Amino acid sequence: MAVDRFDYVIIGAGSAGCIVAARLAENSANRVLVLEAGPWDRSPWIHLPIGFYRTIADPRIGWGYEASFDATPGARAVAWPRGRVVGGCSSVNGLVYVRGQREDFDDWATASATGWEWARVAKYFERMESGPVGVSDPRYTHPLCDAFVEAAVRSGIERVADFNGPTQGGAGYFRLNTRHGRRSSAATAYLHPARRRGNIEVRTDSLVERLEINRGAVRGVWYRRNGVRQFVAAAREVVLCAGAIGSPQVLQLSGVGPARVLERAGVAVVHDLSGVGRNLQDHFAVRLVARARGTRTLNEMSRSLRSKAAMTIQYALARRGPLTLGAVMAGAFVTSAGEDARPDVQLLFGPLSTDNPAEGLHPFPGMTLTVCPLRPKSRGWLEIRSADPLAHPHITANYLDHEDDGRTLLAGLRLARRLLATEPLAQFVADEHRPGRECDSNAELLEYARAKGGSIYHPVGSCRMGTDGDAVVDPTLRVRGIEGLRIADAAVMPTIPSGNTNAACMVVGEYAADLIATSH
């Protein structure tokens, strides 16, 4: 019987997987297969920037993961949405484009991820931004956002035109992953154009069950498509690009991971690799919501038929207006402690408010100022519950486990409140809706954070690279102890970048493609 065989099998058509596949297919001698658990990215809401508020919680194109807030029994569940669609999270995220701080990558290199220093990584950002990936200034502004930036400047925060410039610190508008008013995902920028070459195949609705590992080497992949279990062989390499949740899950289902976790789940141990699923990091965020006055916010505009008609016409004719918005518009990167010159808090501001994007916006005029500590010291973990690939793993976020994270968060919340009380923003603030001014002590604010704070969807680090015994991949992204297998996605990041993580994830894909191409 003929064996289904490709040179490279890429697991996951997400932010990094699309790039790895497309770059490897530039060599016409390579035959590349991409296995994606979700459907094609055909929904119009994916490509309309404001569609984020519909797609992020859509079960048809998302995994619908939840994480336990911390390790205490009965801890509340926190939504951790991940894209399950061609383009992955780059097809459903909030489109905010932030490189991170150059020190982030130097820290990776210092922590034994040699070769990932900023001087090396910067060229991959430049290659993306000057070619395939659309990165644009906002095509719509709002008086509240202008007032926020001006209030920050009056508070002593520098005004910046681009958070991806020489220094990140300051206040301004975020750049977005858009081109001509449409989402620029890894799929539209890389994968779809690459399919025209004829040597790359994408199989959607293909759920990977496990890797076939024989004598310490990966031979291929078992997956299920249309109810049929199938096998594909990889002549050269399998590249796991399933993300910070999916990649460690596939490894553990394949018998690669901490032995105690595998045995408890009923999976035979193939390779006891203790770091798989550990070192999990995420950006924890707490939202301050204020009722607005003196201007219309997107809350009212979203309920007005006249406004929606005007927005639709503006977008159709000029690709401008509110429909070009991402998750947030303006923001700032600030330092919570004077002795640290690097910004360690991100503020994200928007002229809208909601308890849950899937449930719609508030019925009153609102604005939101979100506080996000950038480099959390708390670490979580991920463990499969059984050998069933359909069963979601148990994810423990372990937020605020390290006391420094709480201190940084409190400093950010205090600063956010000062900005809301600073002109010209203060004139638009009617009152603080959440948590409310009565919540004022450190203990009360932390209680509010534990009750209402959550993810802004940036999990990384669960298969970190390095050279020590707990590292899962080496600096060339090869899985330690398993031949023919690499990981190329957010899971390999030793520490979380300072800001929105999608740009860094795409850079991992760009760099990985070069590493793979030069090794064969």
Protein backbone atom coordinates (compact mmCIF):
# COMPACT_ATOMS: atom_id res chain seq x y z
CA MET A 1 0.00 0.00 0.00
CA ALA A 2 1.34 3.44 -0.93
CA VAL A 3 2.40 5.55 2.04
CA ASP A 4 1.21 9.14 2.25
CA ARG A 5 4.54 10.94 2.50
CA PHE A 6 5.79 14.53 2.51
CA ASP A 7 9.20 16.04 3.20
CA TYR A 8 7.79 18.23 5.97
CA VAL A 9 4.60 17.89 7.97
CA ILE A 10 3.53 21.08 9.76
CA ILE A 11 1.03 20.62 12.60
CA GLY A 12 -1.08 23.77 12.90
CA ALA A 13 -1.81 26.49 10.33
CA GLY A 14 -1.48 29.26 12.88
CA SER A 15 0.62 32.39 13.24
CA ALA A 16 3.92 30.51 13.01
CA GLY A 17 2.81 27.41 11.11
CA CYS A 18 1.62 29.35 8.07
CA ILE A 19 5.00 31.06 7.86
CA VAL A 20 7.09 27.91 8.34
CA ALA A 21 5.10 26.11 5.64
CA ALA A 22 5.22 28.99 3.17
CA ARG A 23 8.95 29.59 3.59
CA LEU A 24 9.84 25.88 3.24
CA ALA A 25 7.70 25.72 0.10
CA GLU A 26 9.87 28.42 -1.49
CA ASN A 27 12.22 25.55 -2.31
CA SER A 28 10.38 23.82 -5.16
CA ALA A 29 12.01 20.50 -4.26
CA ASN A 30 10.20 20.41 -0.91
CA ARG A 31 6.78 18.80 -0.53
CA VAL A 32 5.02 20.34 2.45
CA LEU A 33 1.84 19.26 4.21
CA VAL A 34 -0.03 21.42 6.73
CA LEU A 35 -2.52 19.76 9.10
CA GLU A 36 -5.06 22.17 10.59
CA ALA A 37 -7.72 21.08 13.08
CA GLY A 38 -10.11 23.85 12.08
CA PRO A 39 -11.75 25.07 8.86
CA TRP A 40 -10.64 27.49 6.17
CA ASP A 41 -10.64 31.19 7.07
CA ARG A 42 -13.65 31.99 4.88
CA SER A 43 -15.80 33.87 7.41
CA PRO A 44 -16.04 37.57 6.42
CA TRP A 45 -15.83 38.47 10.12
CA ILE A 46 -12.26 37.16 10.17
CA HIS A 47 -11.11 39.68 7.58
CA LEU A 48 -13.07 42.67 8.92
CA PRO A 49 -10.91 44.09 11.74
CA ILE A 50 -13.78 44.90 14.11
CA GLY A 51 -14.91 41.30 13.59
CA PHE A 52 -12.58 40.40 16.47
CA TYR A 53 -15.52 40.93 18.80
CA ARG A 54 -17.39 38.13 17.00
CA THR A 55 -14.60 35.72 16.18
CA ILE A 56 -12.69 35.60 19.47
CA ALA A 57 -15.38 33.52 21.18
CA ASP A 58 -16.85 31.76 18.12
CA PRO A 59 -16.82 28.00 18.87
CA ARG A 60 -16.78 27.19 15.15
CA ILE A 61 -13.28 28.65 14.76
CA GLY A 62 -11.89 28.54 18.30
CA TRP A 63 -10.79 25.90 20.78
CA GLY A 64 -12.72 27.38 23.70
CA TYR A 65 -10.05 26.58 26.30
CA GLU A 66 -10.40 27.56 29.93
CA ALA A 67 -7.68 27.83 32.55
CA SER A 68 -7.91 27.60 36.32
CA PHE A 69 -7.07 31.00 37.81
CA ASP A 70 -4.61 29.43 40.25
CA ALA A 71 -3.80 26.09 41.85
CA THR A 72 -6.34 26.27 44.67
CA PRO A 73 -9.16 23.67 44.56
CA GLY A 74 -12.27 25.08 42.91
CA ALA A 75 -10.42 28.06 41.42
CA ARG A 76 -12.54 29.97 38.94
CA ALA A 77 -12.21 29.31 35.23
CA VAL A 78 -10.70 31.97 32.97
CA ALA A 79 -11.35 32.00 29.23
CA TRP A 80 -8.27 31.24 27.13
CA PRO A 81 -9.52 31.46 23.52
CA ARG A 82 -7.21 30.13 20.79
CA GLY A 83 -7.84 30.11 17.07
CA ARG A 84 -8.88 26.80 15.49
CA VAL A 85 -8.95 27.97 11.89
CA VAL A 86 -6.51 28.57 9.07
CA GLY A 87 -4.41 31.50 10.31
CA GLY A 88 -4.85 30.40 13.93
CA CYS A 89 -4.80 33.23 16.43
CA SER A 90 -3.69 35.67 13.72
CA SER A 91 -7.17 35.16 12.22
CA VAL A 92 -9.08 35.90 15.43
CA ASN A 93 -6.89 38.12 17.62
CA GLY A 94 -7.22 41.83 18.37
CA LEU A 95 -4.72 42.80 15.60
CA VAL A 96 -2.46 44.88 17.89
CA TYR A 97 1.07 44.74 16.50
CA VAL A 98 3.81 45.03 19.12
CA ARG A 99 7.31 43.67 18.67
CA GLY A 100 8.18 43.70 22.36
CA GLN A 101 11.34 45.16 23.84
CA ARG A 102 14.72 44.36 22.37
CA GLU A 103 15.84 43.40 25.88
CA ASP A 104 13.25 40.59 25.82
CA PHE A 105 15.19 38.77 23.13
CA ASP A 106 18.57 39.54 24.67
CA ASP A 107 17.20 37.96 27.85
CA TRP A 108 16.30 34.82 25.87
CA ALA A 109 19.85 34.56 24.60
CA THR A 110 21.28 35.15 28.07
CA ALA A 111 19.04 32.41 29.45
CA SER A 112 20.71 29.85 27.13
CA ALA A 113 18.64 30.46 23.97
CA THR A 114 21.81 31.40 22.09
CA GLY A 115 21.18 33.02 18.72
CA TRP A 116 17.90 34.67 19.71
CA GLU A 117 19.40 38.00 20.76
CA TRP A 118 17.85 41.16 19.35
CA ALA A 119 20.67 41.75 16.86
CA ARG A 120 19.75 38.44 15.20
CA VAL A 121 15.97 38.54 15.61
CA ALA A 122 15.50 42.14 14.42
CA LYS A 123 16.08 41.20 10.78
CA TYR A 124 13.10 38.85 10.88
CA PHE A 125 10.81 41.59 12.14
CA GLU A 126 12.09 43.80 9.34
CA ARG A 127 11.61 41.05 6.76
CA MET A 128 8.00 40.56 7.83
CA GLU A 129 7.09 44.22 8.02
CA SER A 130 8.69 45.17 4.71
CA GLY A 131 6.98 42.39 2.79
CA PRO A 132 4.23 39.89 3.54
CA VAL A 133 2.68 41.27 6.73
CA GLY A 134 0.56 44.38 6.73
CA VAL A 135 1.30 46.73 9.64
CA SER A 136 -0.64 49.98 9.55
CA ASP A 137 -1.42 53.07 11.55
CA PRO A 138 -5.07 53.23 12.70
CA ARG A 139 -7.56 54.38 10.08
CA TYR A 140 -9.94 55.72 12.72
CA THR A 141 -9.39 57.82 15.84
CA HIS A 142 -11.73 58.91 18.61
CA PRO A 143 -11.83 61.99 20.88
CA LEU A 144 -11.58 59.80 23.98
CA CYS A 145 -8.40 58.19 22.71
CA ASP A 146 -6.90 61.56 21.89
CA ALA A 147 -7.83 62.71 25.40
CA PHE A 148 -6.21 59.63 26.93
CA VAL A 149 -2.92 60.23 25.14
CA GLU A 150 -2.94 63.91 26.09
CA ALA A 151 -3.69 63.04 29.74
CA ALA A 152 -0.75 60.65 29.74
CA VAL A 153 1.54 63.34 28.30
CA ARG A 154 0.41 65.83 30.95
CA SER A 155 1.20 63.16 33.56
CA GLY A 156 4.81 63.01 32.38
CA ILE A 157 4.58 60.10 29.94
CA GLU A 158 6.29 60.70 26.63
CA ARG A 159 4.20 60.76 23.45
CA VAL A 160 5.33 58.15 20.91
CA ALA A 161 4.38 57.66 17.28
CA ASP A 162 5.26 53.96 17.16
CA PHE A 163 5.65 51.53 20.07
CA ASN A 164 7.95 49.49 17.80
CA GLY A 165 10.47 52.31 17.47
CA PRO A 166 13.83 52.68 19.23
CA THR A 167 12.15 52.82 22.66
CA GLN A 168 8.83 51.33 23.66
CA GLY A 169 7.98 53.57 26.62
CA GLY A 170 5.35 56.25 26.10
CA ALA A 171 1.73 56.83 25.09
CA GLY A 172 0.12 56.79 21.66
CA TYR A 173 -1.92 54.77 19.20
CA PHE A 174 -1.22 51.10 18.52
CA ARG A 175 -0.32 49.90 15.06
CA LEU A 176 -2.44 47.07 13.68
CA ASN A 177 -1.99 43.95 11.56
CA THR A 178 -4.05 45.39 8.72
CA ARG A 179 -3.52 46.27 5.08
CA HIS A 180 -5.95 48.60 3.31
CA GLY A 181 -8.41 48.21 6.16
CA ARG A 182 -8.44 44.40 6.16
CA ARG A 183 -6.88 41.93 8.58
CA SER A 184 -3.40 40.80 7.56
CA SER A 185 -3.17 37.32 9.07
CA ALA A 186 -0.40 34.78 8.67
CA ALA A 187 -2.75 32.93 6.32
CA THR A 188 -3.45 35.86 3.99
CA ALA A 189 0.14 37.10 4.13
CA TYR A 190 1.94 33.75 3.70
CA LEU A 191 -0.07 30.56 3.32
CA HIS A 192 -2.61 31.48 0.66
CA PRO A 193 0.01 32.96 -1.73
CA ALA A 194 2.28 29.93 -1.12
CA ARG A 195 -0.41 27.49 -2.23
CA ARG A 196 -0.02 28.80 -5.77
CA ARG A 197 3.42 27.18 -5.93
CA GLY A 198 1.89 23.72 -6.13
CA ASN A 199 4.19 21.99 -3.62
CA ILE A 200 2.22 22.73 -0.47
CA GLU A 201 -1.00 21.06 0.64
CA VAL A 202 -3.31 22.12 3.45
CA ARG A 203 -5.68 19.63 5.04
CA THR A 204 -8.28 21.34 7.19
CA ASP A 205 -10.52 19.69 9.80
CA SER A 206 -7.61 17.37 10.58
CA LEU A 207 -7.18 16.69 14.29
CA VAL A 208 -3.74 15.35 15.20
CA GLU A 209 -3.97 12.39 17.58
CA ARG A 210 -0.30 11.66 18.17
CA LEU A 211 3.15 11.45 16.66
CA GLU A 212 4.56 8.14 15.50
CA ILE A 213 7.89 7.83 17.32
CA ASN A 214 10.18 4.86 16.72
CA ARG A 215 13.63 4.40 18.23
CA GLY A 216 13.86 8.00 19.31
CA ALA A 217 12.82 9.51 15.98
CA VAL A 218 9.53 10.84 14.61
CA ARG A 219 8.36 8.88 11.58
CA GLY A 220 5.06 10.63 10.95
CA VAL A 221 1.73 11.81 12.31
CA TRP A 222 -1.56 10.09 13.11
CA TYR A 223 -4.58 12.33 12.59
CA ARG A 224 -8.33 12.07 12.14
CA ARG A 225 -10.17 13.68 9.23
CA ASN A 226 -13.84 13.25 8.37
CA GLY A 227 -14.06 10.54 10.98
CA VAL A 228 -11.26 8.49 9.38
CA ARG A 229 -7.96 7.84 11.13
CA GLN A 230 -5.04 8.48 8.78
CA PHE A 231 -1.23 8.44 8.85
CA VAL A 232 1.24 10.63 7.02
CA ALA A 233 4.99 10.04 6.97
CA ALA A 234 7.58 12.82 7.19
CA ALA A 235 10.74 12.17 5.20
CA ARG A 236 12.63 15.02 6.85
CA GLU A 237 10.89 16.68 9.79
CA VAL A 238 7.65 17.18 11.63
CA VAL A 239 7.25 20.76 12.88
CA LEU A 240 4.83 21.32 15.75
CA CYS A 241 3.17 24.72 15.38
CA ALA A 242 0.04 24.05 17.44
CA GLY A 243 0.66 26.85 19.95
CA ALA A 244 1.40 27.13 23.64
CA ILE A 245 -1.48 24.78 24.46
CA GLY A 246 -1.64 22.50 21.43
CA SER A 247 2.08 21.73 21.08
CA PRO A 248 2.64 20.41 24.63
CA GLN A 249 -0.68 18.57 24.39
CA VAL A 250 0.42 16.73 21.21
CA LEU A 251 3.76 15.88 22.81
CA GLN A 252 2.11 14.48 25.92
CA LEU A 253 -0.43 12.50 23.87
CA SER A 254 2.58 11.03 22.02
CA GLY A 255 4.30 9.93 25.23
CA VAL A 256 6.74 12.83 25.44
CA GLY A 257 6.54 14.76 28.70
CA PRO A 258 6.71 14.35 32.48
CA ALA A 259 6.37 10.63 33.22
CA ARG A 260 3.99 11.13 36.15
CA VAL A 261 1.60 13.18 33.97
CA LEU A 262 1.64 10.62 31.17
CA GLU A 263 1.14 7.63 33.46
CA ARG A 264 -1.76 9.30 35.23
CA ALA A 265 -3.39 9.96 31.84
CA GLY A 266 -2.89 6.39 30.67
CA VAL A 267 -0.28 7.23 28.03
CA ALA A 268 2.81 5.05 27.61
CA VAL A 269 6.01 6.96 28.34
CA VAL A 270 8.18 7.26 25.22
CA HIS A 271 10.49 10.01 26.46
CA ASP A 272 10.42 11.45 29.97
CA LEU A 273 10.86 15.17 29.28
CA SER A 274 9.99 17.09 32.42
CA GLY A 275 9.60 20.55 30.90
CA VAL A 276 6.73 19.75 28.54
CA GLY A 277 3.74 21.78 29.71
CA ARG A 278 5.68 23.68 32.39
CA ASN A 279 6.91 27.31 32.42
CA LEU A 280 3.50 28.46 31.13
CA GLN A 281 3.12 32.26 31.16
CA ASP A 282 0.35 34.66 30.22
CA HIS A 283 -0.44 38.34 30.47
CA PHE A 284 -2.94 38.89 33.26
CA ALA A 285 -5.13 41.95 32.75
CA VAL A 286 -7.51 43.96 34.92
CA ARG A 287 -10.02 46.35 33.37
CA LEU A 288 -11.18 49.67 34.75
CA VAL A 289 -14.52 50.65 33.18
CA ALA A 290 -15.79 54.23 33.34
CA ARG A 291 -19.10 55.72 32.25
CA ALA A 292 -18.48 58.42 29.66
CA ARG A 293 -20.10 61.79 29.07
CA GLY A 294 -19.77 64.55 26.51
CA THR A 295 -19.07 62.27 23.53
CA ARG A 296 -20.51 59.24 21.78
CA THR A 297 -18.73 55.97 22.40
CA LEU A 298 -18.81 52.77 20.40
CA ASN A 299 -21.34 51.41 22.89
CA GLU A 300 -24.06 53.72 21.54
CA MET A 301 -22.84 53.53 17.95
CA SER A 302 -23.13 49.73 17.97
CA ARG A 303 -26.85 49.98 18.86
CA SER A 304 -27.80 52.68 16.38
CA LEU A 305 -29.04 51.52 12.97
CA ARG A 306 -28.12 54.88 11.49
CA SER A 307 -24.58 54.70 12.90
CA LYS A 308 -24.11 51.14 11.72
CA ALA A 309 -25.27 52.09 8.23
CA ALA A 310 -22.88 55.05 8.16
CA MET A 311 -19.99 52.88 9.38
CA THR A 312 -20.72 50.26 6.73
CA ILE A 313 -20.81 52.86 3.94
CA GLN A 314 -17.61 54.50 5.17
CA TYR A 315 -15.84 51.15 5.22
CA ALA A 316 -17.17 50.06 1.83
CA LEU A 317 -16.16 53.30 0.12
CA ALA A 318 -12.89 54.16 1.82
CA ARG A 319 -11.89 51.23 4.10
CA ARG A 320 -11.97 53.64 7.00
CA GLY A 321 -13.99 54.24 10.13
CA PRO A 322 -14.85 52.18 13.23
CA LEU A 323 -15.02 48.91 11.29
CA THR A 324 -11.22 49.10 10.85
CA LEU A 325 -10.65 48.94 14.61
CA GLY A 326 -8.84 46.20 16.44
CA ALA A 327 -9.39 45.24 20.06
CA VAL A 328 -7.99 48.54 21.36
CA MET A 329 -6.90 51.85 19.90
CA ALA A 330 -4.59 53.79 22.21
CA GLY A 331 -2.33 52.83 25.06
CA ALA A 332 0.91 53.32 26.91
CA PHE A 333 3.94 51.40 28.12
CA VAL A 334 4.99 52.67 31.53
CA THR A 335 7.35 51.89 34.38
CA SER A 336 5.84 51.03 37.75
CA ALA A 337 9.06 51.56 39.72
CA GLY A 338 11.54 54.37 39.15
CA GLU A 339 14.62 52.19 39.45
CA ASP A 340 13.65 50.05 36.45
CA ALA A 341 14.14 51.92 33.19
CA ARG A 342 12.24 49.31 31.19
CA PRO A 343 8.45 49.64 30.96
CA ASP A 344 6.80 46.84 32.93
CA VAL A 345 3.12 47.77 32.56
CA GLN A 346 1.02 48.08 29.42
CA LEU A 347 -2.11 50.24 29.44
CA LEU A 348 -4.74 49.62 26.76
CA PHE A 349 -7.50 52.17 26.18
CA GLY A 350 -10.68 51.97 24.12
CA PRO A 351 -13.86 54.09 23.71
CA LEU A 352 -16.11 51.12 24.49
CA SER A 353 -16.88 48.76 27.36
CA THR A 354 -18.16 45.25 27.87
CA ASP A 355 -18.19 42.46 30.41
CA ASN A 356 -17.69 39.91 27.64
CA PRO A 357 -17.17 40.59 23.89
CA ALA A 358 -19.47 37.69 23.05
CA GLU A 359 -22.29 39.30 25.05
CA GLY A 360 -22.13 42.72 23.41
CA LEU A 361 -21.25 46.18 24.68
CA HIS A 362 -22.66 47.89 27.75
CA PRO A 363 -25.98 49.76 27.37
CA PHE A 364 -24.39 53.00 28.62
CA PRO A 365 -21.63 55.22 27.14
CA GLY A 366 -18.39 53.63 28.29
CA MET A 367 -14.62 53.52 28.09
CA THR A 368 -12.15 50.88 29.24
CA LEU A 369 -8.61 51.24 30.55
CA THR A 370 -6.90 47.87 30.93
CA VAL A 371 -3.83 47.32 33.09
CA CYS A 372 -1.45 44.52 32.15
CA PRO A 373 1.86 43.73 33.91
CA LEU A 374 4.29 42.90 31.11
CA ARG A 375 6.78 40.41 32.57
CA PRO A 376 4.98 38.25 35.15
CA LYS A 377 7.07 36.07 37.41
CA SER A 378 4.26 33.61 38.10
CA ARG A 379 4.39 30.33 36.18
CA GLY A 380 1.58 27.95 35.31
CA TRP A 381 1.40 24.49 33.77
CA LEU A 382 -0.57 22.29 31.40
CA GLU A 383 -1.32 18.55 31.70
CA ILE A 384 -3.41 16.19 29.58
CA ARG A 385 -6.28 14.53 31.43
CA SER A 386 -6.42 11.37 29.27
CA ALA A 387 -5.23 9.84 26.01
CA ASP A 388 -8.23 11.35 24.21
CA PRO A 389 -7.04 14.07 21.78
CA LEU A 390 -10.49 15.68 21.92
CA ALA A 391 -10.25 16.24 25.68
CA HIS A 392 -8.94 19.67 26.61
CA PRO A 393 -5.86 19.57 28.83
CA HIS A 394 -6.03 20.89 32.37
CA ILE A 395 -4.49 24.36 32.33
CA THR A 396 -3.44 26.16 35.51
CA ALA A 397 -2.65 29.82 34.85
CA ASN A 398 -1.40 30.39 38.40
CA TYR A 399 -1.95 34.15 38.14
CA LEU A 400 -0.57 36.40 40.89
CA ASP A 401 1.31 33.50 42.47
CA HIS A 402 4.44 35.67 42.74
CA GLU A 403 3.98 38.65 45.03
CA ASP A 404 5.90 40.94 42.65
CA ASP A 405 3.13 40.50 40.06
CA GLY A 406 0.59 41.85 42.55
CA ARG A 407 2.78 44.85 43.37
CA THR A 408 3.26 45.70 39.69
CA LEU A 409 -0.46 45.33 39.03
CA LEU A 410 -1.37 47.64 41.92
CA ALA A 411 1.05 50.29 40.70
CA GLY A 412 -0.51 50.06 37.24
CA LEU A 413 -4.05 50.35 38.60
CA ARG A 414 -3.14 53.43 40.65
CA LEU A 415 -1.59 55.05 37.59
CA ALA A 416 -4.63 54.19 35.45
CA ARG A 417 -6.92 55.89 37.95
CA ARG A 418 -4.72 58.98 37.95
CA LEU A 419 -4.96 59.17 34.18
CA LEU A 420 -8.76 58.91 34.30
CA ALA A 421 -8.69 61.89 36.69
CA THR A 422 -6.32 63.94 34.51
CA GLU A 423 -7.51 66.48 31.95
CA PRO A 424 -8.47 66.40 29.19
CA LEU A 425 -9.66 62.84 29.81
CA ALA A 426 -11.27 63.67 33.17
CA GLN A 427 -13.92 65.87 31.56
CA PHE A 428 -15.30 62.81 29.76
CA VAL A 429 -15.45 60.57 32.86
CA ALA A 430 -18.87 60.55 34.54
CA ASP A 431 -17.95 57.93 37.14
CA GLU A 432 -16.02 54.71 37.58
CA HIS A 433 -18.33 51.80 36.83
CA ARG A 434 -15.92 49.02 37.67
CA PRO A 435 -14.55 48.37 40.20
CA GLY A 436 -15.98 51.62 41.59
CA ARG A 437 -14.33 54.21 43.80
CA GLU A 438 -15.34 52.36 46.96
CA CYS A 439 -12.79 49.70 45.98
CA ASP A 440 -9.66 51.56 46.99
CA SER A 441 -7.32 49.72 49.35
CA ASN A 442 -4.59 47.43 48.05
CA ALA A 443 -6.43 44.44 49.48
CA GLU A 444 -9.69 45.47 47.83
CA LEU A 445 -8.06 46.07 44.45
CA LEU A 446 -6.31 42.69 44.56
CA GLU A 447 -9.58 41.03 45.53
CA TYR A 448 -11.24 42.69 42.53
CA ALA A 449 -8.37 41.52 40.30
CA ARG A 450 -8.73 37.94 41.51
CA ALA A 451 -12.50 38.05 41.00
CA LYS A 452 -12.69 39.85 37.65
CA GLY A 453 -9.23 39.93 36.06
CA GLY A 454 -8.36 37.59 33.24
CA SER A 455 -6.26 36.81 30.22
CA ILE A 456 -5.65 39.01 27.23
CA TYR A 457 -4.83 35.81 25.38
CA HIS A 458 -1.02 35.65 25.31
CA PRO A 459 -0.02 32.17 26.58
CA VAL A 460 3.63 31.25 25.90
CA GLY A 461 6.52 29.24 27.23
CA SER A 462 5.13 25.72 27.72
CA CYS A 463 7.91 24.05 25.66
CA ARG A 464 10.69 26.51 26.29
CA MET A 465 14.00 26.51 24.50
CA GLY A 466 17.34 26.33 26.25
CA THR A 467 20.23 24.01 27.04
CA ASP A 468 19.44 22.99 30.63
CA GLY A 469 17.72 19.80 31.74
CA ASP A 470 14.22 21.31 31.87
CA ALA A 471 14.35 22.83 28.38
CA VAL A 472 12.11 21.11 25.82
CA VAL A 473 13.81 22.35 22.64
CA ASP A 474 17.35 23.49 21.96
CA PRO A 475 18.06 26.93 20.45
CA THR A 476 17.54 25.49 16.96
CA LEU A 477 14.05 24.41 18.11
CA ARG A 478 14.79 20.66 17.96
CA VAL A 479 12.96 18.67 20.64
CA ARG A 480 15.60 17.30 22.99
CA GLY A 481 15.96 13.53 22.72
CA ILE A 482 13.68 13.12 19.66
CA GLU A 483 15.04 13.21 16.12
CA GLY A 484 13.12 14.77 13.26
CA LEU A 485 10.91 16.95 15.46
CA ARG A 486 10.91 20.69 16.10
CA ILE A 487 8.54 23.14 17.72
CA ALA A 488 8.02 26.59 16.21
CA ASP A 489 5.43 28.69 18.01
CA ALA A 490 4.85 30.65 21.22
CA ALA A 491 5.49 27.54 23.30
CA VAL A 492 9.27 27.82 22.81
CA MET A 493 9.58 31.32 24.28
CA PRO A 494 11.61 31.19 27.52
CA THR A 495 9.89 34.32 28.84
CA ILE A 496 6.91 36.30 27.64
CA PRO A 497 7.60 39.32 25.40
CA SER A 498 6.75 42.78 26.72
CA GLY A 499 3.50 43.41 24.88
CA ASN A 500 1.09 41.65 22.55
CA THR A 501 2.70 38.38 21.52
CA ASN A 502 1.53 37.67 17.97
CA ALA A 503 4.33 39.56 16.23
CA ALA A 504 6.96 37.64 18.20
CA CYS A 505 5.18 34.38 17.41
CA MET A 506 5.35 35.14 13.69
CA VAL A 507 9.05 35.94 14.03
CA VAL A 508 9.56 32.50 15.59
CA GLY A 509 8.04 31.09 12.41
CA GLU A 510 10.32 33.15 10.17
CA TYR A 511 13.45 32.21 12.12
CA ALA A 512 12.43 28.55 12.38
CA ALA A 513 12.04 28.29 8.61
CA ASP A 514 15.61 29.51 8.14
CA LEU A 515 16.92 27.10 10.79
CA ILE A 516 15.17 24.17 9.13
CA ALA A 517 16.17 25.13 5.58
CA THR A 518 19.84 25.49 6.45
CA SER A 519 19.98 22.11 8.22
CA HIS A 520 19.03 20.05 5.15
